[in-house]
């Protein structure tokens, strides 16, 4: 049954995204008077479908996307029968370059609009959860925030003149509203008012999450326990919240430093599991470790923000902007070799698993996943790679600059290489999915 669920939600998810993407090409082509010969979900060969008017609406066997076959255009079907005939008014090749560029870009635009619409709807219907706190509860050592002079206990008042009252506003101002600008941070440190300056070049990328600060109210929660280490011996488990060391309350910032200070010295550790409290004597290793991995979990005040129909729109756009940053940064990290390729790339199986989990968490959660995947599909398609929309745009850019079209045989060869490489890539990610299943 789980396998059937995975298949069902994969088909639903990919079906929605591919349909919306290809619908963009289709509508734009029709708007500019181009004849559309085929609207296909999946790549050839054709599986089944129905011809309505001049268009064959069908499903094809290779499930790695879809395509719209426009008369007079070299695409994934590799059809060049039209090349030996005079251009016709309804053909792609007879239209101005700017119209052809719009038709090629329309799929990406539709995916972006879908993501904006979904986030807009989610934010309008359920609002957003915010943390009404601007006090810093933790500053990571050697982080950009630490190097800029931020300290635990600082209360941020404004960034580049933008007043902030919630932690989400701090993140939004840093990564969206002041993008490309250096930062001037106004804050209170005890009774003092301080202004700190930070160069934009010293900030991490939008998806790096290494600015180095966490809000007050973040507690240390165990995210992993090493076998054979002191933590395992006293019964600590993943999900436990560490509360005290020798009776002194701990925060996410103070716990690692405190444990390290008591290297090879017995301490009394207190922790919470659900509603139960535990306490045990334990001796950290000579390196000052208990053998646990920690994550900071926010337990401070929560505020639910409600938005009107129109006020929710810019918030939806902001979510799409942030999601785009995550995707672009992930691509950059892959190219730079900073993250594992096999761990960062997901294929049909991973998409199916995540789609199923998100659907089980609720309809809106599933829609949120579809929106994120829609943005990924849009940005992936705009890459200047043969057989993708970005590759077609490169052909058109060349034609616009040099005033001549790339020979059909060359286009076909480039397209064939692109499709072959895409199939090899899909085979690899499918193998990777199976290997890590």
Protein backbone atom coordinates (compact mmCIF):
# COMPACT_ATOMS: atom_id res chain seq x y z
CA UNK A 1 0.00 0.00 0.00
CA UNK A 2 2.77 2.58 0.78
CA UNK A 3 4.24 1.93 -2.69
CA UNK A 4 0.88 2.60 -4.33
CA UNK A 5 0.53 5.81 -2.30
CA UNK A 6 3.99 6.93 -3.43
CA UNK A 7 3.15 6.24 -7.06
CA UNK A 8 -0.19 8.02 -6.78
CA UNK A 9 1.22 11.21 -5.24
CA UNK A 10 4.21 11.21 -7.60
CA UNK A 11 1.89 11.05 -10.61
CA UNK A 12 -0.33 13.79 -9.17
CA UNK A 13 2.62 16.07 -8.32
CA UNK A 14 4.56 15.67 -11.56
CA UNK A 15 1.36 15.71 -13.59
CA UNK A 16 0.35 19.10 -12.15
CA UNK A 17 3.78 20.65 -12.66
CA UNK A 18 4.34 19.36 -16.19
CA UNK A 19 0.80 20.23 -17.26
CA UNK A 20 1.09 23.81 -15.97
CA UNK A 21 4.53 24.22 -17.57
CA UNK A 22 3.45 22.95 -20.98
CA UNK A 23 0.17 24.88 -20.76
CA UNK A 24 2.28 28.05 -20.62
CA UNK A 25 4.00 27.18 -23.92
CA UNK A 26 0.67 26.14 -25.45
CA UNK A 27 -1.26 29.30 -24.52
CA UNK A 28 1.57 31.62 -25.58
CA UNK A 29 1.91 29.83 -28.94
CA UNK A 30 -1.84 30.04 -29.54
CA UNK A 31 -1.87 33.72 -28.55
CA UNK A 32 0.72 34.55 -31.23
CA UNK A 33 -1.08 32.50 -33.88
CA UNK A 34 1.21 29.48 -33.95
CA UNK A 35 -0.14 26.04 -34.76
CA UNK A 36 0.37 23.48 -31.99
CA UNK A 37 0.64 19.92 -33.36
CA UNK A 38 1.03 18.07 -30.06
CA UNK A 39 0.57 18.66 -26.33
CA UNK A 40 2.39 15.80 -24.58
CA UNK A 41 2.83 14.84 -20.95
CA UNK A 42 6.05 12.80 -21.08
CA UNK A 43 8.56 12.40 -23.91
CA UNK A 44 8.10 10.20 -27.03
CA UNK A 45 7.15 7.57 -27.92
CA UNK A 46 3.43 8.39 -27.66
CA UNK A 47 1.39 6.13 -25.38
CA UNK A 48 -2.22 7.29 -25.80
CA UNK A 49 -4.22 10.44 -26.38
CA UNK A 50 -6.85 12.19 -28.49
CA UNK A 51 -6.68 14.55 -31.44
CA UNK A 52 -8.88 17.62 -31.05
CA UNK A 53 -8.81 20.10 -33.89
CA UNK A 54 -5.21 20.49 -35.07
CA UNK A 55 -3.63 19.32 -31.80
CA UNK A 56 -2.81 15.83 -30.52
CA UNK A 57 -3.29 15.84 -26.74
CA UNK A 58 -1.43 12.79 -25.42
CA UNK A 59 0.59 11.02 -22.73
CA UNK A 60 3.99 9.63 -23.75
CA UNK A 61 6.07 6.82 -22.31
CA UNK A 62 9.21 8.57 -20.97
CA UNK A 63 8.09 10.28 -17.72
CA UNK A 64 10.78 12.96 -17.38
CA UNK A 65 8.71 15.97 -18.36
CA UNK A 66 6.64 16.91 -21.35
CA UNK A 67 6.62 19.04 -24.47
CA UNK A 68 4.47 21.10 -26.78
CA UNK A 69 5.25 20.49 -30.47
CA UNK A 70 4.84 23.80 -32.28
CA UNK A 71 4.79 23.82 -36.07
CA UNK A 72 8.08 25.03 -37.54
CA UNK A 73 10.19 24.45 -34.41
CA UNK A 74 12.93 21.90 -33.75
CA UNK A 75 12.18 20.34 -30.39
CA UNK A 76 12.35 17.02 -28.52
CA UNK A 77 10.55 15.25 -31.38
CA UNK A 78 13.51 16.05 -33.73
CA UNK A 79 11.07 16.67 -36.56
CA UNK A 80 12.66 18.58 -39.50
CA UNK A 81 10.14 17.79 -42.27
CA UNK A 82 9.19 21.47 -42.42
CA UNK A 83 12.78 22.58 -43.15
CA UNK A 84 12.55 21.95 -46.90
CA UNK A 85 9.40 24.01 -47.31
CA UNK A 86 8.70 27.72 -47.32
CA UNK A 87 7.92 29.17 -43.85
CA UNK A 88 4.18 29.42 -43.20
CA UNK A 89 2.51 32.25 -41.23
CA UNK A 90 1.40 29.85 -38.47
CA UNK A 91 4.88 28.42 -37.89
CA UNK A 92 7.21 29.19 -34.98
CA UNK A 93 10.09 30.08 -37.32
CA UNK A 94 8.08 32.75 -39.14
CA UNK A 95 7.36 34.78 -35.98
CA UNK A 96 9.52 37.63 -34.58
CA UNK A 97 12.26 36.62 -32.16
CA UNK A 98 10.61 38.43 -29.25
CA UNK A 99 7.43 36.39 -29.71
CA UNK A 100 9.38 33.15 -29.92
CA UNK A 101 11.28 34.06 -26.73
CA UNK A 102 7.99 34.65 -24.91
CA UNK A 103 6.66 31.28 -26.08
CA UNK A 104 9.83 29.51 -24.87
CA UNK A 105 9.79 31.36 -21.52
CA UNK A 106 6.05 30.90 -20.91
CA UNK A 107 6.44 27.47 -19.28
CA UNK A 108 8.86 28.83 -16.69
CA UNK A 109 6.62 31.85 -16.11
CA UNK A 110 3.62 29.57 -15.52
CA UNK A 111 5.55 27.49 -12.96
CA UNK A 112 6.55 30.67 -11.12
CA UNK A 113 2.96 31.94 -11.20
CA UNK A 114 1.75 28.58 -9.87
CA UNK A 115 4.19 28.79 -6.95
CA UNK A 116 3.15 32.38 -6.19
CA UNK A 117 -0.54 31.44 -6.36
CA UNK A 118 -0.09 28.48 -4.00
CA UNK A 119 1.91 30.44 -1.42
CA UNK A 120 -0.54 33.33 -1.74
CA UNK A 121 -3.46 30.99 -1.07
CA UNK A 122 -1.76 29.24 1.85
CA UNK A 123 -0.81 32.51 3.54
CA UNK A 124 -4.29 33.95 2.98
CA UNK A 125 -6.10 30.89 4.38
CA UNK A 126 -3.88 29.99 7.32
CA UNK A 127 -1.65 33.02 7.85
CA UNK A 128 1.93 32.74 9.08
CA UNK A 129 3.44 31.75 12.39
CA UNK A 130 5.87 34.34 13.73
CA UNK A 131 8.23 34.59 16.67
CA UNK A 132 7.69 38.00 18.34
CA UNK A 133 11.23 38.27 19.63
CA UNK A 134 14.31 40.23 18.52
CA UNK A 135 16.64 39.21 21.34
CA UNK A 136 19.60 37.07 20.29
CA UNK A 137 19.76 33.84 22.26
CA UNK A 138 22.84 32.35 20.60
CA UNK A 139 25.77 33.56 18.50
CA UNK A 140 27.84 30.85 16.81
CA UNK A 141 31.58 31.17 17.32
CA UNK A 142 33.52 32.35 14.25
CA UNK A 143 30.27 33.04 12.39
CA UNK A 144 29.71 36.23 10.34
CA UNK A 145 27.44 37.49 13.12
CA UNK A 146 30.17 36.93 15.75
CA UNK A 147 32.78 38.65 13.58
CA UNK A 148 30.43 41.62 13.17
CA UNK A 149 30.28 41.94 16.98
CA UNK A 150 26.80 40.60 17.75
CA UNK A 151 26.45 39.02 21.19
CA UNK A 152 24.00 36.84 23.08
CA UNK A 153 21.43 39.09 24.77
CA UNK A 154 21.55 41.83 22.12
CA UNK A 155 18.13 43.12 21.08
CA UNK A 156 17.99 44.08 17.40
CA UNK A 157 15.97 47.26 16.80
CA UNK A 158 16.51 47.98 13.10
CA UNK A 159 18.52 46.89 10.06
CA UNK A 160 19.31 49.57 7.45
CA UNK A 161 16.55 51.66 8.95
CA UNK A 162 13.95 48.87 8.75
CA UNK A 163 12.41 48.54 12.22
CA UNK A 164 11.97 44.91 13.33
CA UNK A 165 9.62 43.39 15.92
CA UNK A 166 9.78 39.69 14.97
CA UNK A 167 12.55 37.24 14.20
CA UNK A 168 11.07 36.59 10.74
CA UNK A 169 11.41 40.30 9.96
CA UNK A 170 15.11 40.14 10.84
CA UNK A 171 15.65 37.25 8.41
CA UNK A 172 13.52 38.88 5.71
CA UNK A 173 15.32 42.21 5.91
CA UNK A 174 18.77 40.59 5.84
CA UNK A 175 18.12 38.21 2.97
CA UNK A 176 15.39 39.81 0.87
CA UNK A 177 14.73 43.49 1.45
CA UNK A 178 18.40 44.58 1.64
CA UNK A 179 19.79 42.10 -0.89
CA UNK A 180 23.08 43.41 -2.32
CA UNK A 181 23.44 46.09 0.37
CA UNK A 182 25.82 46.32 3.30
CA UNK A 183 24.10 46.12 6.68
CA UNK A 184 23.82 48.67 9.47
CA UNK A 185 22.38 46.99 12.56
CA UNK A 186 20.92 49.08 15.42
CA UNK A 187 20.56 47.25 18.72
CA UNK A 188 20.33 47.52 22.48
CA UNK A 189 22.99 45.85 24.61
CA UNK A 190 21.80 46.25 28.16
CA UNK A 191 21.39 50.01 28.73
CA UNK A 192 23.54 50.87 25.69
CA UNK A 193 22.42 51.60 22.14
CA UNK A 194 24.94 50.27 19.62
CA UNK A 195 25.23 50.38 15.82
CA UNK A 196 27.19 47.67 14.01
CA UNK A 197 28.26 47.61 10.36
CA UNK A 198 28.52 44.50 8.20
CA UNK A 199 29.65 44.18 4.59
CA UNK A 200 27.34 42.21 2.30
CA UNK A 201 30.36 40.22 1.09
CA UNK A 202 30.79 38.90 4.65
CA UNK A 203 27.28 37.45 4.74
CA UNK A 204 26.54 33.84 3.83
CA UNK A 205 24.30 32.93 0.90
CA UNK A 206 20.54 33.07 1.38
CA UNK A 207 20.23 29.29 1.92
CA UNK A 208 23.43 28.78 3.86
CA UNK A 209 21.87 29.52 7.27
CA UNK A 210 25.29 30.34 8.67
CA UNK A 211 24.71 33.96 9.68
CA UNK A 212 25.20 32.64 13.17
CA UNK A 213 22.37 33.87 15.37
CA UNK A 214 19.34 32.21 16.94
CA UNK A 215 16.48 33.90 18.82
CA UNK A 216 16.11 33.83 22.59
CA UNK A 217 13.93 30.91 23.65
CA UNK A 218 15.80 28.30 21.66
CA UNK A 219 16.47 25.19 23.77
CA UNK A 220 19.00 22.37 23.20
CA UNK A 221 17.25 19.27 21.85
CA UNK A 222 19.12 16.02 21.26
CA UNK A 223 19.13 15.19 17.52
CA UNK A 224 21.48 12.21 17.73
CA UNK A 225 23.21 9.96 20.28
CA UNK A 226 26.60 8.31 19.61
CA UNK A 227 26.90 4.65 20.43
CA UNK A 228 29.07 3.85 23.46
CA UNK A 229 29.38 7.47 24.62
CA UNK A 230 28.36 8.82 28.06
CA UNK A 231 25.00 10.11 26.82
CA UNK A 232 23.93 6.67 25.65
CA UNK A 233 25.07 5.09 28.91
CA UNK A 234 22.74 7.28 30.99
CA UNK A 235 19.79 6.78 28.61
CA UNK A 236 19.60 10.04 26.65
CA UNK A 237 17.52 9.66 23.48
CA UNK A 238 16.84 11.63 20.34
CA UNK A 239 14.16 14.24 21.04
CA UNK A 240 15.14 14.80 24.70
CA UNK A 241 15.52 18.42 25.83
CA UNK A 242 18.54 19.09 28.04
CA UNK A 243 17.41 21.33 30.90
CA UNK A 244 20.17 21.64 33.51
CA UNK A 245 23.81 20.94 34.36
CA UNK A 246 24.46 20.78 38.12
CA UNK A 247 21.13 22.49 38.67
CA UNK A 248 21.91 25.44 36.40
CA UNK A 249 19.44 26.04 33.56
CA UNK A 250 20.95 25.54 30.09
CA UNK A 251 20.34 27.25 26.77
CA UNK A 252 21.34 26.09 23.31
CA UNK A 253 24.26 28.51 23.48
CA UNK A 254 25.51 27.65 26.98
CA UNK A 255 25.24 23.84 27.00
CA UNK A 256 28.21 22.90 24.75
CA UNK A 257 30.48 25.40 26.49
CA UNK A 258 29.41 24.15 29.93
CA UNK A 259 29.96 20.48 29.04
CA UNK A 260 33.40 21.29 27.65
CA UNK A 261 34.32 23.09 30.87
CA UNK A 262 33.58 19.92 32.85
CA UNK A 263 35.73 17.58 30.73
CA UNK A 264 36.56 14.39 32.77
CA UNK A 265 34.58 15.80 35.74
CA UNK A 266 31.34 14.29 36.99
CA UNK A 267 28.23 16.42 36.51
CA UNK A 268 24.50 16.02 37.17
CA UNK A 269 22.59 16.31 33.92
CA UNK A 270 18.86 17.02 33.86
CA UNK A 271 16.66 16.49 30.80
CA UNK A 272 13.03 16.31 29.77
CA UNK A 273 11.25 13.69 27.66
CA UNK A 274 7.69 14.61 26.94
CA UNK A 275 6.30 15.59 30.34
CA UNK A 276 8.77 13.49 32.37
CA UNK A 277 11.93 14.88 33.96
CA UNK A 278 15.12 12.81 34.28
CA UNK A 279 18.38 13.35 36.10
CA UNK A 280 21.63 11.38 36.13
CA UNK A 281 25.31 11.68 37.01
CA UNK A 282 27.61 11.53 33.99
CA UNK A 283 31.26 12.29 33.18
CA UNK A 284 32.03 14.05 29.86
CA UNK A 285 34.94 12.70 27.80
CA UNK A 286 38.40 14.25 27.90
CA UNK A 287 37.38 16.32 24.86
CA UNK A 288 34.46 17.71 26.86
CA UNK A 289 31.73 15.82 25.02
CA UNK A 290 28.75 13.67 25.97
CA UNK A 291 28.36 12.10 22.55
CA UNK A 292 25.22 13.93 21.46
CA UNK A 293 24.28 16.08 18.49
CA UNK A 294 22.14 19.11 19.28
CA UNK A 295 19.64 21.23 17.41
CA UNK A 296 18.11 24.45 18.61
CA UNK A 297 14.30 24.31 18.94
CA UNK A 298 12.36 27.50 19.52
CA UNK A 299 10.05 27.37 22.55
CA UNK A 300 9.37 31.09 23.01
CA UNK A 301 6.16 33.02 22.32
CA UNK A 302 4.35 32.37 19.06
CA UNK A 303 2.19 34.81 17.14
CA UNK A 304 -0.13 33.85 14.26
CA UNK A 305 -0.32 36.57 11.62
CA UNK A 306 -3.42 36.92 9.48
CA UNK A 307 -3.42 38.59 6.06
CA UNK A 308 -6.15 39.98 3.86
CA UNK A 309 -6.52 38.60 0.34
CA UNK A 310 -4.39 41.35 -1.22
CA UNK A 311 -1.91 41.66 1.65
CA UNK A 312 -1.12 37.95 1.31
CA UNK A 313 0.12 38.42 -2.28
CA UNK A 314 3.47 40.15 -1.54
CA UNK A 315 4.08 37.58 1.20
CA UNK A 316 3.58 34.82 -1.38
CA UNK A 317 6.03 36.52 -3.74
CA UNK A 318 8.53 36.75 -0.89
CA UNK A 319 8.23 33.01 -0.22
CA UNK A 320 8.92 32.30 -3.90
CA UNK A 321 11.95 34.60 -3.81
CA UNK A 322 13.38 32.80 -0.78
CA UNK A 323 12.67 29.38 -2.32
CA UNK A 324 14.51 30.47 -5.47
CA UNK A 325 17.49 31.46 -3.36
CA UNK A 326 17.60 28.03 -1.73
CA UNK A 327 17.57 26.31 -5.13
CA UNK A 328 20.20 28.55 -6.72
CA UNK A 329 22.45 28.19 -3.71
CA UNK A 330 22.10 24.42 -3.76
CA UNK A 331 23.14 24.36 -7.44
CA UNK A 332 26.12 26.57 -6.63
CA UNK A 333 27.15 24.36 -3.71
CA UNK A 334 26.96 21.28 -5.99
CA UNK A 335 29.04 22.88 -8.73
CA UNK A 336 31.58 24.10 -6.19
CA UNK A 337 31.83 20.59 -4.72
CA UNK A 338 30.86 21.74 -1.22
CA UNK A 339 28.02 19.28 -0.80
CA UNK A 340 27.57 15.65 -1.77
CA UNK A 341 25.95 15.22 -5.18
CA UNK A 342 24.34 11.92 -4.24
CA UNK A 343 22.85 13.35 -1.05
CA UNK A 344 21.56 16.55 -2.64
CA UNK A 345 19.92 15.18 -5.78
CA UNK A 346 16.53 13.49 -5.62
CA UNK A 347 14.76 11.60 -8.38
CA UNK A 348 11.30 10.09 -8.84
CA UNK A 349 11.46 7.88 -5.74
CA UNK A 350 12.50 10.72 -3.41
CA UNK A 351 9.94 13.05 -4.92
CA UNK A 352 7.27 10.38 -4.44
CA UNK A 353 8.30 9.82 -0.81
CA UNK A 354 8.32 13.52 0.04
CA UNK A 355 5.03 14.10 -1.82
CA UNK A 356 3.40 11.27 0.13
CA UNK A 357 4.70 12.51 3.50
CA UNK A 358 3.58 16.07 2.76
CA UNK A 359 0.13 14.84 1.66
CA UNK A 360 -0.20 12.83 4.87
CA UNK A 361 0.63 16.01 6.83
CA UNK A 362 -2.28 17.83 5.24
CA UNK A 363 -3.51 19.28 1.96
CA UNK A 364 -1.85 22.67 2.47
CA UNK A 365 1.48 21.02 3.30
CA UNK A 366 1.23 19.04 0.07
CA UNK A 367 0.46 22.21 -1.88
CA UNK A 368 3.49 23.89 -0.30
CA UNK A 369 5.68 21.04 -1.54
CA UNK A 370 4.17 21.36 -5.03
CA UNK A 371 4.98 25.10 -4.98
CA UNK A 372 8.61 24.47 -4.02
CA UNK A 373 8.96 21.81 -6.69
CA UNK A 374 7.34 24.15 -9.23
CA UNK A 375 10.01 26.78 -8.52
CA UNK A 376 12.73 24.13 -8.85
CA UNK A 377 11.31 23.03 -12.21
CA UNK A 378 11.16 26.64 -13.43
CA UNK A 379 14.76 27.42 -12.50
CA UNK A 380 16.02 24.08 -13.79
CA UNK A 381 14.30 24.62 -17.15
CA UNK A 382 15.78 28.08 -17.63
CA UNK A 383 19.35 26.75 -17.41
CA UNK A 384 21.16 27.16 -20.77
CA UNK A 385 21.29 23.42 -21.46
CA UNK A 386 20.27 21.67 -24.71
CA UNK A 387 16.72 20.24 -24.68
CA UNK A 388 15.71 22.62 -21.86
CA UNK A 389 13.93 25.94 -22.35
CA UNK A 390 17.15 27.75 -21.55
CA UNK A 391 18.86 25.94 -24.43
CA UNK A 392 16.17 27.12 -26.88
CA UNK A 393 16.62 30.68 -25.58
CA UNK A 394 20.35 30.43 -26.33
CA UNK A 395 19.52 29.47 -29.93
CA UNK A 396 17.21 32.48 -30.23
CA UNK A 397 19.76 34.82 -28.62
CA UNK A 398 22.36 33.67 -31.15
CA UNK A 399 19.91 34.31 -33.99
CA UNK A 400 19.08 37.76 -32.65
CA UNK A 401 22.74 38.78 -32.23
CA UNK A 402 24.18 37.35 -35.46
CA UNK A 403 21.06 37.77 -37.63
CA UNK A 404 21.18 34.20 -38.86
CA UNK A 405 19.69 30.94 -37.68
CA UNK A 406 21.77 28.00 -36.47
CA UNK A 407 21.65 25.27 -39.17
CA UNK A 408 18.94 22.67 -38.57
CA UNK A 409 21.42 19.78 -38.56
CA UNK A 410 23.46 21.49 -35.85
CA UNK A 411 20.31 22.16 -33.78
CA UNK A 412 19.25 18.52 -34.10
CA UNK A 413 22.70 17.28 -33.05
CA UNK A 414 22.77 19.60 -30.03
CA UNK A 415 19.23 18.59 -29.04
CA UNK A 416 20.09 14.89 -29.35
CA UNK A 417 23.14 15.31 -27.14
CA UNK A 418 21.04 17.24 -24.62
CA UNK A 419 18.29 14.61 -24.50
CA UNK A 420 20.88 11.83 -24.18
CA UNK A 421 22.59 13.60 -21.28
CA UNK A 422 19.22 14.20 -19.60
CA UNK A 423 18.39 10.49 -19.90
CA UNK A 424 21.79 9.56 -18.45
CA UNK A 425 21.22 12.02 -15.61
CA UNK A 426 17.76 10.61 -14.93
CA UNK A 427 19.16 7.08 -14.93
CA UNK A 428 21.76 8.15 -12.39
CA UNK A 429 19.30 9.85 -10.03
CA UNK A 430 16.98 6.85 -10.29
CA UNK A 431 19.86 4.54 -9.39
CA UNK A 432 20.80 6.89 -6.54
CA UNK A 433 17.20 6.85 -5.30
CA UNK A 434 17.14 3.06 -5.31
CA UNK A 435 20.56 2.81 -3.64
CA UNK A 436 19.47 5.12 -0.81
CA UNK A 437 15.87 3.84 -0.57
